[in-house]
PDB file of N, CA and C in Angstrom:
ATOM      1  N   MET A   1      40.514  10.854 -10.168  1.00  0.00           N
ATOM      2  CA  MET A   1      39.596  11.065  -9.068  1.00  0.00           C
ATOM      3  C   MET A   1      40.344  10.736  -7.770  1.00  0.00           C
ATOM      4  N   PRO A   2      40.285  11.620  -6.802  1.00  0.00           N
ATOM      5  CA  PRO A   2      40.950  11.357  -5.522  1.00  0.00           C
ATOM      6  C   PRO A   2      40.305  10.172  -4.793  1.00  0.00           C
ATOM      7  N   ILE A   3      41.067   9.578  -3.925  1.00  0.00           N
ATOM      8  CA  ILE A   3      40.613   8.397  -3.194  1.00  0.00           C
ATOM      9  C   ILE A   3      39.402   8.726  -2.322  1.00  0.00           C
ATOM     10  N   THR A   4      39.340   9.932  -1.797  1.00  0.00           N
ATOM     11  CA  THR A   4      38.201  10.329  -0.962  1.00  0.00           C
ATOM     12  C   THR A   4      36.905  10.324  -1.764  1.00  0.00           C
ATOM     13  N   ASP A   5      36.963  10.867  -2.981  1.00  0.00           N
ATOM     14  CA  ASP A   5      35.776  10.877  -3.836  1.00  0.00           C
ATOM     15  C   ASP A   5      35.358   9.455  -4.213  1.00  0.00           C
ATOM     16  N   ALA A   6      36.326   8.587  -4.456  1.00  0.00           N
ATOM     17  CA  ALA A   6      36.019   7.203  -4.803  1.00  0.00           C
ATOM     18  C   ALA A   6      35.332   6.487  -3.643  1.00  0.00           C
ATOM     19  N   VAL A   7      35.767   6.765  -2.424  1.00  0.00           N
ATOM     20  CA  VAL A   7      35.148   6.143  -1.249  1.00  0.00           C
ATOM     21  C   VAL A   7      33.715   6.651  -1.073  1.00  0.00           C
ATOM     22  N   ILE A   8      33.502   7.928  -1.281  1.00  0.00           N
ATOM     23  CA  ILE A   8      32.155   8.506  -1.148  1.00  0.00           C
ATOM     24  C   ILE A   8      31.219   7.922  -2.201  1.00  0.00           C
ATOM     25  N   VAL A   9      31.669   7.839  -3.442  1.00  0.00           N
ATOM     26  CA  VAL A   9      30.841   7.271  -4.509  1.00  0.00           C
ATOM     27  C   VAL A   9      30.557   5.801  -4.240  1.00  0.00           C
ATOM     28  N   ALA A  10      31.560   5.069  -3.754  1.00  0.00           N
ATOM     29  CA  ALA A  10      31.345   3.655  -3.435  1.00  0.00           C
ATOM     30  C   ALA A  10      30.341   3.491  -2.303  1.00  0.00           C
ATOM     31  N   ALA A  11      30.362   4.369  -1.314  1.00  0.00           N
ATOM     32  CA  ALA A  11      29.396   4.304  -0.215  1.00  0.00           C
ATOM     33  C   ALA A  11      27.980   4.600  -0.705  1.00  0.00           C
ATOM     34  N   ILE A  12      27.840   5.550  -1.603  1.00  0.00           N
ATOM     35  CA  ILE A  12      26.523   5.872  -2.162  1.00  0.00           C
ATOM     36  C   ILE A  12      25.992   4.701  -2.979  1.00  0.00           C
ATOM     37  N   VAL A  13      26.844   4.117  -3.815  1.00  0.00           N
ATOM     38  CA  VAL A  13      26.437   2.963  -4.621  1.00  0.00           C
ATOM     39  C   VAL A  13      26.068   1.790  -3.723  1.00  0.00           C
ATOM     40  N   ALA A  14      26.844   1.566  -2.669  1.00  0.00           N
ATOM     41  CA  ALA A  14      26.542   0.480  -1.737  1.00  0.00           C
ATOM     42  C   ALA A  14      25.205   0.710  -1.043  1.00  0.00           C
ATOM     43  N   ALA A  15      24.905   1.956  -0.688  1.00  0.00           N
ATOM     44  CA  ALA A  15      23.619   2.262  -0.053  1.00  0.00           C
ATOM     45  C   ALA A  15      22.463   1.939  -0.991  1.00  0.00           C
ATOM     46  N   PHE A  16      22.587   2.274  -2.269  1.00  0.00           N
ATOM     47  CA  PHE A  16      21.533   1.943  -3.235  1.00  0.00           C
ATOM     48  C   PHE A  16      21.397   0.433  -3.421  1.00  0.00           C
ATOM     49  N   ILE A  17      22.505  -0.280  -3.415  1.00  0.00           N
ATOM     50  CA  ILE A  17      22.445  -1.741  -3.559  1.00  0.00           C
ATOM     51  C   ILE A  17      21.748  -2.365  -2.355  1.00  0.00           C
ATOM     52  N   VAL A  18      22.071  -1.900  -1.155  1.00  0.00           N
ATOM     53  CA  VAL A  18      21.406  -2.418   0.049  1.00  0.00           C
ATOM     54  C   VAL A  18      19.921  -2.094   0.014  1.00  0.00           C
ATOM     55  N   PHE A  19      19.564  -0.887  -0.395  1.00  0.00           N
ATOM     56  CA  PHE A  19      18.161  -0.496  -0.498  1.00  0.00           C
ATOM     57  C   PHE A  19      17.424  -1.388  -1.492  1.00  0.00           C
ATOM     58  N   GLY A  20      18.023  -1.664  -2.631  1.00  0.00           N
ATOM     59  CA  GLY A  20      17.413  -2.555  -3.618  1.00  0.00           C
ATOM     60  C   GLY A  20      17.250  -3.967  -3.099  1.00  0.00           C
ATOM     61  N   MET A  21      18.226  -4.435  -2.338  1.00  0.00           N
ATOM     62  CA  MET A  21      18.124  -5.777  -1.761  1.00  0.00           C
ATOM     63  C   MET A  21      17.001  -5.854  -0.729  1.00  0.00           C
ATOM     64  N   VAL A  22      16.832  -4.801   0.058  1.00  0.00           N
ATOM     65  CA  VAL A  22      15.742  -4.771   1.041  1.00  0.00           C
ATOM     66  C   VAL A  22      14.397  -4.769   0.335  1.00  0.00           C
ATOM     67  N   LEU A  23      14.263  -3.992  -0.729  1.00  0.00           N
ATOM     68  CA  LEU A  23      13.009  -3.983  -1.493  1.00  0.00           C
ATOM     69  C   LEU A  23      12.735  -5.351  -2.123  1.00  0.00           C
ATOM     70  N   ALA A  24      13.755  -5.993  -2.660  1.00  0.00           N
ATOM     71  CA  ALA A  24      13.577  -7.311  -3.265  1.00  0.00           C
ATOM     72  C   ALA A  24      13.196  -8.346  -2.213  1.00  0.00           C
ATOM     73  N   TRP A  25      13.809  -8.269  -1.038  1.00  0.00           N
ATOM     74  CA  TRP A  25      13.477  -9.207   0.046  1.00  0.00           C
ATOM     75  C   TRP A  25      12.034  -9.026   0.499  1.00  0.00           C
ATOM     76  N   GLY A  26      11.595  -7.778   0.643  1.00  0.00           N
ATOM     77  CA  GLY A  26      10.209  -7.513   1.039  1.00  0.00           C
ATOM     78  C   GLY A  26       9.226  -7.984  -0.013  1.00  0.00           C
ATOM     79  N   GLU A  27       9.560  -7.801  -1.272  1.00  0.00           N
ATOM     80  CA  GLU A  27       8.681  -8.279  -2.350  1.00  0.00           C
ATOM     81  C   GLU A  27       8.620  -9.797  -2.348  1.00  0.00           C
ATOM     82  N   TYR A  28       9.729 -10.446  -2.101  1.00  0.00           N
ATOM     83  CA  TYR A  28       9.765 -11.908  -2.053  1.00  0.00           C
ATOM     84  C   TYR A  28       8.944 -12.434  -0.876  1.00  0.00           C
ATOM     85  N   GLN A  29       9.010 -11.758   0.246  1.00  0.00           N
ATOM     86  CA  GLN A  29       8.283 -12.197   1.436  1.00  0.00           C
ATOM     87  C   GLN A  29       6.773 -12.045   1.271  1.00  0.00           C
ATOM     88  N   THR A  30       6.330 -11.093   0.482  1.00  0.00           N
ATOM     89  CA  THR A  30       4.897 -10.823   0.354  1.00  0.00           C
ATOM     90  C   THR A  30       4.333 -11.257  -0.993  1.00  0.00           C
ATOM     91  N   ARG A  31       5.048 -12.058  -1.764  1.00  0.00           N
ATOM     92  CA  ARG A  31       4.609 -12.410  -3.110  1.00  0.00           C
ATOM     93  C   ARG A  31       3.355 -13.275  -3.108  1.00  0.00           C
ATOM     94  N   HIS A  32       3.280 -14.292  -2.277  1.00  0.00           N
ATOM     95  CA  HIS A  32       2.175 -15.245  -2.332  1.00  0.00           C
ATOM     96  C   HIS A  32       1.331 -15.206  -1.064  1.00  0.00           C
ATOM     97  N   LEU A  33       0.926 -14.013  -0.650  1.00  0.00           N
ATOM     98  CA  LEU A  33       0.047 -13.904   0.507  1.00  0.00           C
ATOM     99  C   LEU A  33      -1.362 -14.292   0.088  1.00  0.00           C
ATOM    100  N   SER A  34      -2.030 -15.090   0.917  1.00  0.00           N
ATOM    101  CA  SER A  34      -3.410 -15.468   0.600  1.00  0.00           C
ATOM    102  C   SER A  34      -4.358 -14.487   1.270  1.00  0.00           C
ATOM    103  N   ARG A  35      -5.450 -14.208   0.587  1.00  0.00           N
ATOM    104  CA  ARG A  35      -6.447 -13.302   1.138  1.00  0.00           C
ATOM    105  C   ARG A  35      -7.297 -14.051   2.155  1.00  0.00           C
ATOM    106  N   PRO A  36      -7.762 -13.360   3.195  1.00  0.00           N
ATOM    107  CA  PRO A  36      -8.595 -14.043   4.191  1.00  0.00           C
ATOM    108  C   PRO A  36      -9.930 -14.471   3.590  1.00  0.00           C
ATOM    109  N   ASP A  37     -10.438 -15.606   4.061  1.00  0.00           N
ATOM    110  CA  ASP A  37     -11.716 -16.125   3.578  1.00  0.00           C
ATOM    111  C   ASP A  37     -12.836 -15.295   4.173  1.00  0.00           C
ATOM    112  N   ARG A  38     -13.695 -14.725   3.323  1.00  0.00           N
ATOM    113  CA  ARG A  38     -14.785 -13.881   3.786  1.00  0.00           C
ATOM    114  C   ARG A  38     -16.131 -14.580   3.633  1.00  0.00           C
ATOM    115  N   SER A  39     -16.130 -15.909   3.733  1.00  0.00           N
ATOM    116  CA  SER A  39     -17.372 -16.644   3.507  1.00  0.00           C
ATOM    117  C   SER A  39     -18.349 -16.489   4.659  1.00  0.00           C
ATOM    118  N   GLY A  40     -17.900 -16.167   5.849  1.00  0.00           N
ATOM    119  CA  GLY A  40     -18.812 -15.904   6.942  1.00  0.00           C
ATOM    120  C   GLY A  40     -19.145 -17.130   7.777  1.00  0.00           C
ATOM    121  N   GLY A  41     -18.193 -17.948   8.094  1.00  0.00           N
ATOM    122  CA  GLY A  41     -18.439 -19.068   8.982  1.00  0.00           C
ATOM    123  C   GLY A  41     -18.558 -20.387   8.257  1.00  0.00           C
ATOM    124  N   SER A  42     -19.520 -21.228   8.702  1.00  0.00           N
ATOM    125  CA  SER A  42     -19.615 -22.585   8.171  1.00  0.00           C
ATOM    126  C   SER A  42     -20.322 -22.649   6.822  1.00  0.00           C
ATOM    127  N   ALA A  43     -20.968 -21.597   6.397  1.00  0.00           N
ATOM    128  CA  ALA A  43     -21.667 -21.601   5.113  1.00  0.00           C
ATOM    129  C   ALA A  43     -20.676 -21.277   4.004  1.00  0.00           C
ATOM    130  N   GLY A  44     -19.755 -22.185   3.751  1.00  0.00           N
ATOM    131  CA  GLY A  44     -18.713 -21.938   2.767  1.00  0.00           C
ATOM    132  C   GLY A  44     -19.204 -22.018   1.336  1.00  0.00           C
ATOM    133  N   ASP A  45     -20.326 -22.738   1.087  1.00  0.00           N
ATOM    134  CA  ASP A  45     -20.795 -22.861  -0.285  1.00  0.00           C
ATOM    135  C   ASP A  45     -21.690 -21.708  -0.701  1.00  0.00           C
ATOM    136  N   LYS A  46     -22.161 -20.893   0.247  1.00  0.00           N
ATOM    137  CA  LYS A  46     -22.986 -19.730  -0.098  1.00  0.00           C
ATOM    138  C   LYS A  46     -22.084 -18.565  -0.483  1.00  0.00           C
ATOM    139  N   LYS A  47     -22.564 -17.767  -1.411  1.00  0.00           N
ATOM    140  CA  LYS A  47     -21.800 -16.587  -1.792  1.00  0.00           C
ATOM    141  C   LYS A  47     -22.077 -15.471  -0.797  1.00  0.00           C
ATOM    142  N   SER A  48     -21.042 -14.752  -0.426  1.00  0.00           N
ATOM    143  CA  SER A  48     -21.227 -13.660   0.523  1.00  0.00           C
ATOM    144  C   SER A  48     -21.879 -12.476  -0.180  1.00  0.00           C
ATOM    145  N   ALA A  49     -22.630 -11.712   0.595  1.00  0.00           N
ATOM    146  CA  ALA A  49     -23.338 -10.553   0.053  1.00  0.00           C
ATOM    147  C   ALA A  49     -22.325  -9.468  -0.298  1.00  0.00           C
ATOM    148  N   PRO A  50     -22.596  -8.684  -1.327  1.00  0.00           N
ATOM    149  CA  PRO A  50     -21.679  -7.599  -1.674  1.00  0.00           C
ATOM    150  C   PRO A  50     -21.691  -6.525  -0.589  1.00  0.00           C
ATOM    151  N   ILE A  51     -20.603  -5.818  -0.489  1.00  0.00           N
ATOM    152  CA  ILE A  51     -20.485  -4.750   0.493  1.00  0.00           C
ATOM    153  C   ILE A  51     -21.239  -3.541  -0.012  1.00  0.00           C
ATOM    154  N   GLU A  52     -22.112  -3.009   0.833  1.00  0.00           N
ATOM    155  CA  GLU A  52     -22.885  -1.835   0.458  1.00  0.00           C
ATOM    156  C   GLU A  52     -22.224  -0.591   1.033  1.00  0.00           C
ATOM    157  N   THR A  53     -22.153   0.459   0.232  1.00  0.00           N
ATOM    158  CA  THR A  53     -21.628   1.728   0.716  1.00  0.00           C
ATOM    159  C   THR A  53     -22.765   2.731   0.770  1.00  0.00           C
ATOM    160  N   VAL A  54     -22.758   3.554   1.783  1.00  0.00           N
ATOM    161  CA  VAL A  54     -23.814   4.534   1.986  1.00  0.00           C
ATOM    162  C   VAL A  54     -23.168   5.908   2.070  1.00  0.00           C
ATOM    163  N   GLN A  55     -23.767   6.880   1.403  1.00  0.00           N
ATOM    164  CA  GLN A  55     -23.276   8.254   1.450  1.00  0.00           C
ATOM    165  C   GLN A  55     -23.541   8.825   2.832  1.00  0.00           C
ATOM    166  N   ALA A  56     -22.526   9.371   3.462  1.00  0.00           N
ATOM    167  CA  ALA A  56     -22.682   9.977   4.774  1.00  0.00           C
ATOM    168  C   ALA A  56     -23.472  11.276   4.639  1.00  0.00           C
ATOM    169  N   PRO A  57     -24.405  11.513   5.547  1.00  0.00           N
ATOM    170  CA  PRO A  57     -25.181  12.754   5.465  1.00  0.00           C
ATOM    171  C   PRO A  57     -24.303  13.968   5.782  1.00  0.00           C
ATOM    172  N   THR A  58     -24.551  15.056   5.098  1.00  0.00           N
ATOM    173  CA  THR A  58     -23.806  16.282   5.340  1.00  0.00           C
ATOM    174  C   THR A  58     -24.756  17.368   5.799  1.00  0.00           C
ATOM    175  N   ALA A  59     -24.243  18.279   6.560  1.00  0.00           N
ATOM    176  CA  ALA A  59     -25.055  19.397   7.032  1.00  0.00           C
ATOM    177  C   ALA A  59     -25.329  20.327   5.863  1.00  0.00           C
ATOM    178  N   PRO A  60     -26.435  21.092   5.922  1.00  0.00           N
ATOM    179  CA  PRO A  60     -26.729  22.034   4.835  1.00  0.00           C
ATOM    180  C   PRO A  60     -25.587  23.032   4.665  1.00  0.00           C
ATOM    181  N   GLY A  61     -25.213  23.267   3.422  1.00  0.00           N
ATOM    182  CA  GLY A  61     -24.140  24.217   3.127  1.00  0.00           C
ATOM    183  C   GLY A  61     -22.759  23.616   3.280  1.00  0.00           C
ATOM    184  N   GLN A  62     -22.628  22.324   3.549  1.00  0.00           N
ATOM    185  CA  GLN A  62     -21.326  21.701   3.735  1.00  0.00           C
ATOM    186  C   GLN A  62     -20.935  20.811   2.556  1.00  0.00           C
ATOM    187  N   GLY A  63     -21.653  20.886   1.444  1.00  0.00           N
ATOM    188  CA  GLY A  63     -21.367  20.050   0.292  1.00  0.00           C
ATOM    189  C   GLY A  63     -20.130  20.530  -0.437  1.00  0.00           C
ATOM    190  N   LEU A  64     -19.862  19.899  -1.595  1.00  0.00           N
ATOM    191  CA  LEU A  64     -18.673  20.234  -2.363  1.00  0.00           C
ATOM    192  C   LEU A  64     -18.723  21.649  -2.946  1.00  0.00           C
ATOM    193  N   ASN A  65     -19.930  22.099  -3.297  1.00  0.00           N
ATOM    194  CA  ASN A  65     -20.042  23.423  -3.898  1.00  0.00           C
ATOM    195  C   ASN A  65     -20.643  24.423  -2.893  1.00  0.00           C
ATOM    196  N   ALA A  66     -20.241  24.324  -1.627  1.00  0.00           N
ATOM    197  CA  ALA A  66     -20.778  25.224  -0.597  1.00  0.00           C
ATOM    198  C   ALA A  66     -20.319  26.653  -0.840  1.00  0.00           C
ATOM    199  N   ALA A  67     -19.139  26.844  -1.428  1.00  0.00           N
ATOM    200  CA  ALA A  67     -18.636  28.207  -1.661  1.00  0.00           C
ATOM    201  C   ALA A  67     -19.435  28.900  -2.753  1.00  0.00           C
ATOM    202  N   ALA A  68     -20.070  28.146  -3.631  1.00  0.00           N
ATOM    203  CA  ALA A  68     -20.827  28.753  -4.720  1.00  0.00           C
ATOM    204  C   ALA A  68     -22.164  29.280  -4.242  1.00  0.00           C
ATOM    205  N   SER A  69     -22.668  28.812  -3.099  1.00  0.00           N
ATOM    206  CA  SER A  69     -23.987  29.274  -2.651  1.00  0.00           C
ATOM    207  C   SER A  69     -23.921  30.498  -1.781  1.00  0.00           C
TER     208      SER A  69
END
């Protein structure tokens, strides 16, 4: 293998090693993040209410099967 090809392959391998090190560093930095407390103020012993989701209203003919009508 010519020296030029060896340098190119070494640069590619080095780029992958640096990329892996950056991913490992980011994973290490974010491993033990604590979630924010959602208790709602001073009432820490009360359980917070569940989050309710509501279906957004759609105009007539704008549903998922609008093409079928």
